[in-house]
All heavy atoms as atom14 arrays in JSON, in Angstrom:
{
  "sequence": "FFGPELLVVPGGTDPAQRPAQPAIIEADIFLNANFESDALVNG",
  "atom14_mask": [
    [1, 1, 1, 1, 1, 1, 1, 1, 1, 1, 1, 0, 0, 0],
    [1, 1, 1, 1, 1, 1, 1, 1, 1, 1, 1, 0, 0, 0],
    [1, 1, 1, 1, 0, 0, 0, 0, 0, 0, 0, 0, 0, 0],
    [1, 1, 1, 1, 1, 1, 1, 0, 0, 0, 0, 0, 0, 0],
    [1, 1, 1, 1, 1, 1, 1, 1, 1, 0, 0, 0, 0, 0],
    [1, 1, 1, 1, 1, 1, 1, 1, 0, 0, 0, 0, 0, 0],
    [1, 1, 1, 1, 1, 1, 1, 1, 0, 0, 0, 0, 0, 0],
    [1, 1, 1, 1, 1, 1, 1, 0, 0, 0, 0, 0, 0, 0],
    [1, 1, 1, 1, 1, 1, 1, 0, 0, 0, 0, 0, 0, 0],
    [1, 1, 1, 1, 1, 1, 1, 0, 0, 0, 0, 0, 0, 0],
    [1, 1, 1, 1, 0, 0, 0, 0, 0, 0, 0, 0, 0, 0],
    [1, 1, 1, 1, 0, 0, 0, 0, 0, 0, 0, 0, 0, 0],
    [1, 1, 1, 1, 1, 1, 1, 0, 0, 0, 0, 0, 0, 0],
    [1, 1, 1, 1, 1, 1, 1, 1, 0, 0, 0, 0, 0, 0],
    [1, 1, 1, 1, 1, 1, 1, 0, 0, 0, 0, 0, 0, 0],
    [1, 1, 1, 1, 1, 0, 0, 0, 0, 0, 0, 0, 0, 0],
    [1, 1, 1, 1, 1, 1, 1, 1, 1, 0, 0, 0, 0, 0],
    [1, 1, 1, 1, 1, 1, 1, 1, 1, 1, 1, 0, 0, 0],
    [1, 1, 1, 1, 1, 1, 1, 0, 0, 0, 0, 0, 0, 0],
    [1, 1, 1, 1, 1, 0, 0, 0, 0, 0, 0, 0, 0, 0],
    [1, 1, 1, 1, 1, 1, 1, 1, 1, 0, 0, 0, 0, 0],
    [1, 1, 1, 1, 1, 1, 1, 0, 0, 0, 0, 0, 0, 0],
    [1, 1, 1, 1, 1, 0, 0, 0, 0, 0, 0, 0, 0, 0],
    [1, 1, 1, 1, 1, 1, 1, 1, 0, 0, 0, 0, 0, 0],
    [1, 1, 1, 1, 1, 1, 1, 1, 0, 0, 0, 0, 0, 0],
    [1, 1, 1, 1, 1, 1, 1, 1, 1, 0, 0, 0, 0, 0],
    [1, 1, 1, 1, 1, 0, 0, 0, 0, 0, 0, 0, 0, 0],
    [1, 1, 1, 1, 1, 1, 1, 1, 0, 0, 0, 0, 0, 0],
    [1, 1, 1, 1, 1, 1, 1, 1, 0, 0, 0, 0, 0, 0],
    [1, 1, 1, 1, 1, 1, 1, 1, 1, 1, 1, 0, 0, 0],
    [1, 1, 1, 1, 1, 1, 1, 1, 0, 0, 0, 0, 0, 0],
    [1, 1, 1, 1, 1, 1, 1, 1, 0, 0, 0, 0, 0, 0],
    [1, 1, 1, 1, 1, 0, 0, 0, 0, 0, 0, 0, 0, 0],
    [1, 1, 1, 1, 1, 1, 1, 1, 0, 0, 0, 0, 0, 0],
    [1, 1, 1, 1, 1, 1, 1, 1, 1, 1, 1, 0, 0, 0],
    [1, 1, 1, 1, 1, 1, 1, 1, 1, 0, 0, 0, 0, 0],
    [1, 1, 1, 1, 1, 1, 0, 0, 0, 0, 0, 0, 0, 0],
    [1, 1, 1, 1, 1, 1, 1, 1, 0, 0, 0, 0, 0, 0],
    [1, 1, 1, 1, 1, 0, 0, 0, 0, 0, 0, 0, 0, 0],
    [1, 1, 1, 1, 1, 1, 1, 1, 0, 0, 0, 0, 0, 0],
    [1, 1, 1, 1, 1, 1, 1, 0, 0, 0, 0, 0, 0, 0],
    [1, 1, 1, 1, 1, 1, 1, 1, 0, 0, 0, 0, 0, 0],
    [1, 1, 1, 1, 0, 0, 0, 0, 0, 0, 0, 0, 0, 0]
  ],
  "atom14_positions": [
    [[92.16, 88.36, 92.72], [91.45, 87.1, 93.19], [90.4, 86.79, 92.15], [90.0, 87.56, 91.33], [90.8, 87.27, 94.5], [89.78, 88.35, 94.65], [88.44, 88.13, 94.79], [90.13, 89.73, 94.61], [87.52, 89.16, 94.79], [89.21, 90.71, 94.59], [87.86, 90.47, 94.8], [0.0, 0.0, 0.0], [0.0, 0.0, 0.0], [0.0, 0.0, 0.0]],
    [[89.87, 85.48, 92.22], [88.77, 84.98, 91.4], [87.42, 85.6, 91.91], [86.73, 84.8, 92.63], [88.76, 83.58, 91.16], [89.91, 83.01, 90.52], [90.4, 81.65, 90.69], [90.66, 83.8, 89.59], [91.55, 81.26, 90.04], [91.75, 83.37, 88.88], [92.26, 81.99, 89.19], [0.0, 0.0, 0.0], [0.0, 0.0, 0.0], [0.0, 0.0, 0.0]],
    [[87.15, 86.77, 91.65], [86.07, 87.48, 92.43], [84.64, 87.33, 91.7], [84.56, 86.81, 90.68], [0.0, 0.0, 0.0], [0.0, 0.0, 0.0], [0.0, 0.0, 0.0], [0.0, 0.0, 0.0], [0.0, 0.0, 0.0], [0.0, 0.0, 0.0], [0.0, 0.0, 0.0], [0.0, 0.0, 0.0], [0.0, 0.0, 0.0], [0.0, 0.0, 0.0]],
    [[83.56, 87.93, 92.3], [82.3, 87.65, 91.87], [81.94, 88.38, 90.6], [80.84, 88.15, 90.12], [81.47, 88.09, 93.1], [82.17, 88.89, 93.88], [83.75, 88.53, 93.72], [0.0, 0.0, 0.0], [0.0, 0.0, 0.0], [0.0, 0.0, 0.0], [0.0, 0.0, 0.0], [0.0, 0.0, 0.0], [0.0, 0.0, 0.0], [0.0, 0.0, 0.0]],
    [[82.72, 89.53, 90.21], [82.39, 90.26, 89.12], [82.79, 89.59, 87.79], [82.46, 90.17, 86.76], [83.09, 91.7, 89.25], [82.47, 92.5, 90.42], [81.0, 92.78, 90.16], [80.68, 93.16, 89.16], [80.3, 92.7, 91.19], [0.0, 0.0, 0.0], [0.0, 0.0, 0.0], [0.0, 0.0, 0.0], [0.0, 0.0, 0.0], [0.0, 0.0, 0.0]],
    [[83.52, 88.58, 87.78], [84.08, 87.99, 86.7], [83.08, 87.14, 85.92], [82.2, 86.58, 86.58], [85.29, 87.03, 87.11], [86.46, 87.71, 87.64], [87.54, 86.56, 88.18], [87.1, 88.59, 86.75], [0.0, 0.0, 0.0], [0.0, 0.0, 0.0], [0.0, 0.0, 0.0], [0.0, 0.0, 0.0], [0.0, 0.0, 0.0], [0.0, 0.0, 0.0]],
    [[83.11, 87.1, 84.62], [82.22, 86.24, 83.88], [82.64, 84.85, 84.15], [83.78, 84.46, 84.37], [82.45, 86.58, 82.36], [81.99, 87.95, 81.8], [82.35, 88.05, 80.38], [80.63, 88.13, 82.08], [0.0, 0.0, 0.0], [0.0, 0.0, 0.0], [0.0, 0.0, 0.0], [0.0, 0.0, 0.0], [0.0, 0.0, 0.0], [0.0, 0.0, 0.0]],
    [[81.7, 83.87, 84.13], [81.83, 82.44, 84.52], [82.62, 81.91, 83.42], [82.32, 81.83, 82.26], [80.57, 81.83, 84.68], [80.84, 80.29, 84.98], [79.83, 82.54, 85.75], [0.0, 0.0, 0.0], [0.0, 0.0, 0.0], [0.0, 0.0, 0.0], [0.0, 0.0, 0.0], [0.0, 0.0, 0.0], [0.0, 0.0, 0.0], [0.0, 0.0, 0.0]],
    [[83.76, 81.2, 83.7], [84.61, 80.46, 82.78], [84.06, 79.13, 82.56], [83.31, 78.41, 83.26], [86.05, 80.33, 83.35], [86.73, 81.69, 83.48], [86.1, 79.49, 84.55], [0.0, 0.0, 0.0], [0.0, 0.0, 0.0], [0.0, 0.0, 0.0], [0.0, 0.0, 0.0], [0.0, 0.0, 0.0], [0.0, 0.0, 0.0], [0.0, 0.0, 0.0]],
    [[84.28, 78.6, 81.41], [83.78, 77.19, 81.12], [84.37, 76.07, 82.09], [85.44, 76.27, 82.58], [84.46, 76.86, 79.6], [84.62, 78.23, 79.04], [85.12, 79.15, 80.22], [0.0, 0.0, 0.0], [0.0, 0.0, 0.0], [0.0, 0.0, 0.0], [0.0, 0.0, 0.0], [0.0, 0.0, 0.0], [0.0, 0.0, 0.0], [0.0, 0.0, 0.0]],
    [[83.56, 75.15, 82.3], [83.95, 74.06, 83.17], [85.3, 73.49, 82.81], [85.54, 73.27, 81.56], [0.0, 0.0, 0.0], [0.0, 0.0, 0.0], [0.0, 0.0, 0.0], [0.0, 0.0, 0.0], [0.0, 0.0, 0.0], [0.0, 0.0, 0.0], [0.0, 0.0, 0.0], [0.0, 0.0, 0.0], [0.0, 0.0, 0.0], [0.0, 0.0, 0.0]],
    [[86.13, 73.2, 83.78], [87.44, 72.48, 83.46], [88.49, 73.48, 83.11], [89.54, 73.01, 82.84], [0.0, 0.0, 0.0], [0.0, 0.0, 0.0], [0.0, 0.0, 0.0], [0.0, 0.0, 0.0], [0.0, 0.0, 0.0], [0.0, 0.0, 0.0], [0.0, 0.0, 0.0], [0.0, 0.0, 0.0], [0.0, 0.0, 0.0], [0.0, 0.0, 0.0]],
    [[88.24, 74.81, 83.01], [89.21, 75.72, 82.68], [90.28, 75.65, 83.71], [90.24, 75.8, 84.87], [88.68, 77.17, 82.59], [87.61, 77.25, 81.64], [89.67, 78.21, 82.31], [0.0, 0.0, 0.0], [0.0, 0.0, 0.0], [0.0, 0.0, 0.0], [0.0, 0.0, 0.0], [0.0, 0.0, 0.0], [0.0, 0.0, 0.0], [0.0, 0.0, 0.0]],
    [[91.56, 75.58, 83.12], [92.77, 75.62, 83.96], [92.95, 77.01, 84.65], [92.83, 78.01, 83.95], [94.15, 75.26, 83.27], [95.19, 74.87, 84.07], [95.79, 75.91, 84.68], [95.56, 73.76, 84.2], [0.0, 0.0, 0.0], [0.0, 0.0, 0.0], [0.0, 0.0, 0.0], [0.0, 0.0, 0.0], [0.0, 0.0, 0.0], [0.0, 0.0, 0.0]],
    [[93.24, 77.13, 86.05], [93.5, 78.32, 86.5], [94.6, 79.23, 85.95], [94.5, 80.46, 86.01], [93.85, 77.97, 88.07], [93.32, 76.61, 88.24], [93.32, 75.91, 86.96], [0.0, 0.0, 0.0], [0.0, 0.0, 0.0], [0.0, 0.0, 0.0], [0.0, 0.0, 0.0], [0.0, 0.0, 0.0], [0.0, 0.0, 0.0], [0.0, 0.0, 0.0]],
    [[95.56, 78.59, 85.12], [96.58, 79.41, 84.51], [95.9, 80.23, 83.36], [96.55, 81.25, 82.95], [97.61, 78.41, 83.95], [0.0, 0.0, 0.0], [0.0, 0.0, 0.0], [0.0, 0.0, 0.0], [0.0, 0.0, 0.0], [0.0, 0.0, 0.0], [0.0, 0.0, 0.0], [0.0, 0.0, 0.0], [0.0, 0.0, 0.0], [0.0, 0.0, 0.0]],
    [[94.71, 79.88, 82.93], [94.19, 80.6, 81.85], [93.3, 81.83, 82.3], [92.91, 82.71, 81.59], [93.18, 79.72, 80.96], [93.9, 78.58, 80.31], [92.84, 77.73, 79.66], [92.52, 76.65, 80.07], [92.34, 78.15, 78.44], [0.0, 0.0, 0.0], [0.0, 0.0, 0.0], [0.0, 0.0, 0.0], [0.0, 0.0, 0.0], [0.0, 0.0, 0.0]],
    [[92.88, 81.7, 83.49], [91.82, 82.64, 84.1], [92.3, 83.97, 84.4], [93.31, 84.23, 84.98], [91.23, 81.89, 85.39], [90.52, 80.65, 85.07], [89.98, 80.21, 86.46], [88.91, 81.04, 87.0], [88.29, 80.73, 88.26], [88.58, 79.61, 88.82], [87.28, 81.68, 88.59], [0.0, 0.0, 0.0], [0.0, 0.0, 0.0], [0.0, 0.0, 0.0]],
    [[91.44, 84.99, 83.94], [91.78, 86.38, 84.5], [91.29, 86.5, 85.93], [90.56, 85.67, 86.47], [90.95, 87.2, 83.53], [89.72, 86.38, 83.17], [90.32, 84.93, 83.16], [0.0, 0.0, 0.0], [0.0, 0.0, 0.0], [0.0, 0.0, 0.0], [0.0, 0.0, 0.0], [0.0, 0.0, 0.0], [0.0, 0.0, 0.0], [0.0, 0.0, 0.0]],
    [[91.69, 87.58, 86.66], [91.25, 87.79, 88.04], [90.77, 89.16, 88.12], [90.76, 89.98, 87.25], [92.47, 87.67, 88.84], [0.0, 0.0, 0.0], [0.0, 0.0, 0.0], [0.0, 0.0, 0.0], [0.0, 0.0, 0.0], [0.0, 0.0, 0.0], [0.0, 0.0, 0.0], [0.0, 0.0, 0.0], [0.0, 0.0, 0.0], [0.0, 0.0, 0.0]],
    [[90.18, 89.4, 89.26], [89.6, 90.67, 89.7], [90.49, 91.46, 90.63], [91.03, 90.89, 91.65], [88.19, 90.55, 90.32], [87.54, 91.65, 90.76], [86.15, 91.2, 91.41], [85.47, 90.3, 91.09], [85.56, 92.19, 92.36], [0.0, 0.0, 0.0], [0.0, 0.0, 0.0], [0.0, 0.0, 0.0], [0.0, 0.0, 0.0], [0.0, 0.0, 0.0]],
    [[90.8, 92.74, 90.53], [91.65, 93.41, 91.35], [91.04, 93.89, 92.8], [89.9, 94.26, 92.77], [92.01, 94.73, 90.66], [90.83, 95.02, 89.76], [90.18, 93.57, 89.43], [0.0, 0.0, 0.0], [0.0, 0.0, 0.0], [0.0, 0.0, 0.0], [0.0, 0.0, 0.0], [0.0, 0.0, 0.0], [0.0, 0.0, 0.0], [0.0, 0.0, 0.0]],
    [[91.75, 93.82, 93.75], [91.34, 94.34, 95.07], [91.39, 95.78, 95.07], [92.36, 96.4, 94.52], [92.15, 93.68, 96.2], [0.0, 0.0, 0.0], [0.0, 0.0, 0.0], [0.0, 0.0, 0.0], [0.0, 0.0, 0.0], [0.0, 0.0, 0.0], [0.0, 0.0, 0.0], [0.0, 0.0, 0.0], [0.0, 0.0, 0.0], [0.0, 0.0, 0.0]],
    [[90.49, 96.45, 95.81], [90.33, 97.82, 95.88], [90.58, 98.42, 97.26], [90.22, 97.81, 98.25], [88.91, 98.28, 95.38], [88.75, 97.87, 93.88], [88.75, 99.89, 95.54], [87.29, 97.87, 93.5], [0.0, 0.0, 0.0], [0.0, 0.0, 0.0], [0.0, 0.0, 0.0], [0.0, 0.0, 0.0], [0.0, 0.0, 0.0], [0.0, 0.0, 0.0]],
    [[91.21, 99.57, 97.31], [91.52, 100.14, 98.6], [90.62, 101.43, 98.8], [90.65, 102.26, 97.86], [92.89, 100.56, 98.84], [93.79, 99.31, 98.92], [93.21, 101.59, 100.0], [95.27, 99.52, 98.9], [0.0, 0.0, 0.0], [0.0, 0.0, 0.0], [0.0, 0.0, 0.0], [0.0, 0.0, 0.0], [0.0, 0.0, 0.0], [0.0, 0.0, 0.0]],
    [[89.93, 101.64, 99.85], [89.13, 102.85, 100.25], [90.03, 103.49, 101.38], [90.7, 102.87, 102.2], [87.88, 102.55, 100.95], [86.87, 102.01, 100.02], [85.52, 101.76, 100.67], [85.38, 102.1, 101.85], [84.56, 101.19, 100.01], [0.0, 0.0, 0.0], [0.0, 0.0, 0.0], [0.0, 0.0, 0.0], [0.0, 0.0, 0.0], [0.0, 0.0, 0.0]],
    [[90.1, 104.88, 101.12], [90.91, 105.62, 102.22], [90.35, 107.03, 102.28], [89.57, 107.41, 101.34], [92.45, 105.52, 101.84], [0.0, 0.0, 0.0], [0.0, 0.0, 0.0], [0.0, 0.0, 0.0], [0.0, 0.0, 0.0], [0.0, 0.0, 0.0], [0.0, 0.0, 0.0], [0.0, 0.0, 0.0], [0.0, 0.0, 0.0], [0.0, 0.0, 0.0]],
    [[90.93, 107.86, 103.17], [90.75, 109.27, 103.22], [92.1, 109.97, 102.87], [93.18, 109.37, 103.01], [90.34, 109.75, 104.55], [89.02, 109.24, 104.92], [87.99, 109.31, 104.15], [88.81, 108.64, 106.13], [0.0, 0.0, 0.0], [0.0, 0.0, 0.0], [0.0, 0.0, 0.0], [0.0, 0.0, 0.0], [0.0, 0.0, 0.0], [0.0, 0.0, 0.0]],
    [[91.99, 111.12, 102.4], [93.23, 111.91, 101.93], [93.08, 113.44, 102.34], [91.91, 114.01, 102.32], [93.41, 111.84, 100.53], [94.8, 112.52, 100.19], [92.29, 112.25, 99.69], [95.2, 112.27, 98.65], [0.0, 0.0, 0.0], [0.0, 0.0, 0.0], [0.0, 0.0, 0.0], [0.0, 0.0, 0.0], [0.0, 0.0, 0.0], [0.0, 0.0, 0.0]],
    [[94.19, 113.95, 102.9], [94.18, 115.38, 103.34], [95.43, 115.99, 102.88], [96.58, 115.4, 102.98], [94.11, 115.39, 104.84], [93.96, 116.85, 105.39], [92.78, 117.46, 105.44], [95.15, 117.45, 105.91], [92.69, 118.76, 105.87], [94.94, 118.72, 106.41], [93.88, 119.43, 106.37], [0.0, 0.0, 0.0], [0.0, 0.0, 0.0], [0.0, 0.0, 0.0]],
    [[95.22, 117.11, 102.18], [96.5, 117.93, 101.59], [96.43, 119.24, 102.24], [95.5, 119.97, 102.3], [96.35, 118.03, 100.14], [96.19, 116.79, 99.28], [96.12, 117.09, 97.77], [97.54, 115.89, 99.45], [0.0, 0.0, 0.0], [0.0, 0.0, 0.0], [0.0, 0.0, 0.0], [0.0, 0.0, 0.0], [0.0, 0.0, 0.0], [0.0, 0.0, 0.0]],
    [[97.68, 119.74, 102.45], [97.94, 121.14, 102.74], [98.66, 121.86, 101.58], [99.63, 121.23, 101.13], [98.67, 121.4, 104.07], [97.76, 121.27, 105.26], [96.56, 121.62, 105.31], [98.32, 120.83, 106.49], [0.0, 0.0, 0.0], [0.0, 0.0, 0.0], [0.0, 0.0, 0.0], [0.0, 0.0, 0.0], [0.0, 0.0, 0.0], [0.0, 0.0, 0.0]],
    [[98.29, 122.96, 101.13], [98.91, 123.7, 100.19], [99.27, 125.12, 100.61], [98.29, 125.81, 101.08], [98.26, 123.76, 98.81], [0.0, 0.0, 0.0], [0.0, 0.0, 0.0], [0.0, 0.0, 0.0], [0.0, 0.0, 0.0], [0.0, 0.0, 0.0], [0.0, 0.0, 0.0], [0.0, 0.0, 0.0], [0.0, 0.0, 0.0], [0.0, 0.0, 0.0]],
    [[100.49, 125.5, 100.17], [100.9, 127.0, 100.51], [101.09, 127.62, 99.18], [102.0, 127.21, 98.6], [102.05, 127.06, 101.35], [102.33, 128.47, 101.85], [102.53, 129.36, 101.03], [102.35, 128.72, 103.16], [0.0, 0.0, 0.0], [0.0, 0.0, 0.0], [0.0, 0.0, 0.0], [0.0, 0.0, 0.0], [0.0, 0.0, 0.0], [0.0, 0.0, 0.0]],
    [[100.45, 128.67, 98.82], [100.61, 129.35, 97.46], [101.41, 130.57, 97.57], [101.43, 131.26, 96.63], [99.18, 129.61, 96.98], [98.36, 128.35, 96.58], [97.43, 127.85, 97.42], [98.55, 127.73, 95.46], [96.88, 126.59, 97.11], [97.9, 126.5, 95.01], [96.96, 126.09, 96.02], [0.0, 0.0, 0.0], [0.0, 0.0, 0.0], [0.0, 0.0, 0.0]],
    [[102.0, 130.84, 98.73], [102.89, 132.0, 98.87], [104.34, 131.62, 98.18], [104.4, 130.74, 97.39], [102.97, 132.48, 100.28], [101.7, 132.85, 100.79], [101.1, 134.1, 100.07], [101.74, 134.89, 99.44], [99.81, 134.1, 100.12], [0.0, 0.0, 0.0], [0.0, 0.0, 0.0], [0.0, 0.0, 0.0], [0.0, 0.0, 0.0], [0.0, 0.0, 0.0]],
    [[105.37, 132.26, 98.75], [106.68, 132.03, 98.15], [107.18, 130.62, 98.21], [107.88, 130.04, 97.38], [107.76, 132.97, 98.87], [107.67, 132.64, 100.27], [0.0, 0.0, 0.0], [0.0, 0.0, 0.0], [0.0, 0.0, 0.0], [0.0, 0.0, 0.0], [0.0, 0.0, 0.0], [0.0, 0.0, 0.0], [0.0, 0.0, 0.0], [0.0, 0.0, 0.0]],
    [[106.73, 129.81, 99.21], [107.03, 128.51, 99.33], [106.44, 127.5, 98.2], [107.12, 126.78, 97.67], [106.64, 127.82, 100.7], [107.51, 128.41, 101.79], [108.66, 128.72, 101.59], [106.97, 128.25, 102.9], [0.0, 0.0, 0.0], [0.0, 0.0, 0.0], [0.0, 0.0, 0.0], [0.0, 0.0, 0.0], [0.0, 0.0, 0.0], [0.0, 0.0, 0.0]],
    [[105.22, 127.85, 97.91], [104.43, 127.26, 96.91], [104.7, 125.58, 96.93], [105.14, 124.99, 95.96], [104.95, 127.56, 95.43], [0.0, 0.0, 0.0], [0.0, 0.0, 0.0], [0.0, 0.0, 0.0], [0.0, 0.0, 0.0], [0.0, 0.0, 0.0], [0.0, 0.0, 0.0], [0.0, 0.0, 0.0], [0.0, 0.0, 0.0], [0.0, 0.0, 0.0]],
    [[104.28, 125.08, 98.13], [104.44, 123.74, 98.24], [102.98, 123.08, 98.63], [102.15, 123.67, 99.09], [105.42, 123.5, 99.44], [106.83, 123.75, 99.26], [107.52, 123.57, 100.65], [107.44, 122.88, 98.16], [0.0, 0.0, 0.0], [0.0, 0.0, 0.0], [0.0, 0.0, 0.0], [0.0, 0.0, 0.0], [0.0, 0.0, 0.0], [0.0, 0.0, 0.0]],
    [[102.94, 121.72, 98.25], [101.83, 120.93, 98.78], [102.28, 119.59, 99.4], [103.28, 119.0, 98.81], [100.83, 120.53, 97.51], [101.59, 119.92, 96.49], [99.7, 119.83, 98.06], [0.0, 0.0, 0.0], [0.0, 0.0, 0.0], [0.0, 0.0, 0.0], [0.0, 0.0, 0.0], [0.0, 0.0, 0.0], [0.0, 0.0, 0.0], [0.0, 0.0, 0.0]],
    [[101.64, 119.08, 100.38], [102.05, 117.82, 100.97], [100.78, 117.19, 101.68], [99.78, 117.94, 101.7], [103.27, 117.82, 101.84], [103.1, 118.76, 102.97], [101.99, 119.27, 103.28], [104.14, 119.05, 103.68], [0.0, 0.0, 0.0], [0.0, 0.0, 0.0], [0.0, 0.0, 0.0], [0.0, 0.0, 0.0], [0.0, 0.0, 0.0], [0.0, 0.0, 0.0]],
    [[100.87, 115.99, 102.14], [99.64, 115.58, 102.76], [99.82, 114.08, 103.17], [100.95, 113.64, 103.17], [0.0, 0.0, 0.0], [0.0, 0.0, 0.0], [0.0, 0.0, 0.0], [0.0, 0.0, 0.0], [0.0, 0.0, 0.0], [0.0, 0.0, 0.0], [0.0, 0.0, 0.0], [0.0, 0.0, 0.0], [0.0, 0.0, 0.0], [0.0, 0.0, 0.0]]
  ]
}
């Protein structure tokens, strides 16, 4: 999107020229790991 972190483009700039700002995802993560014979991780 054309977000607030972007430098201001010159007036009259065509949208086709403009760079955009990426949207960000926040989340939680949980992993279980077994280090015995199975030696697996998932989450």
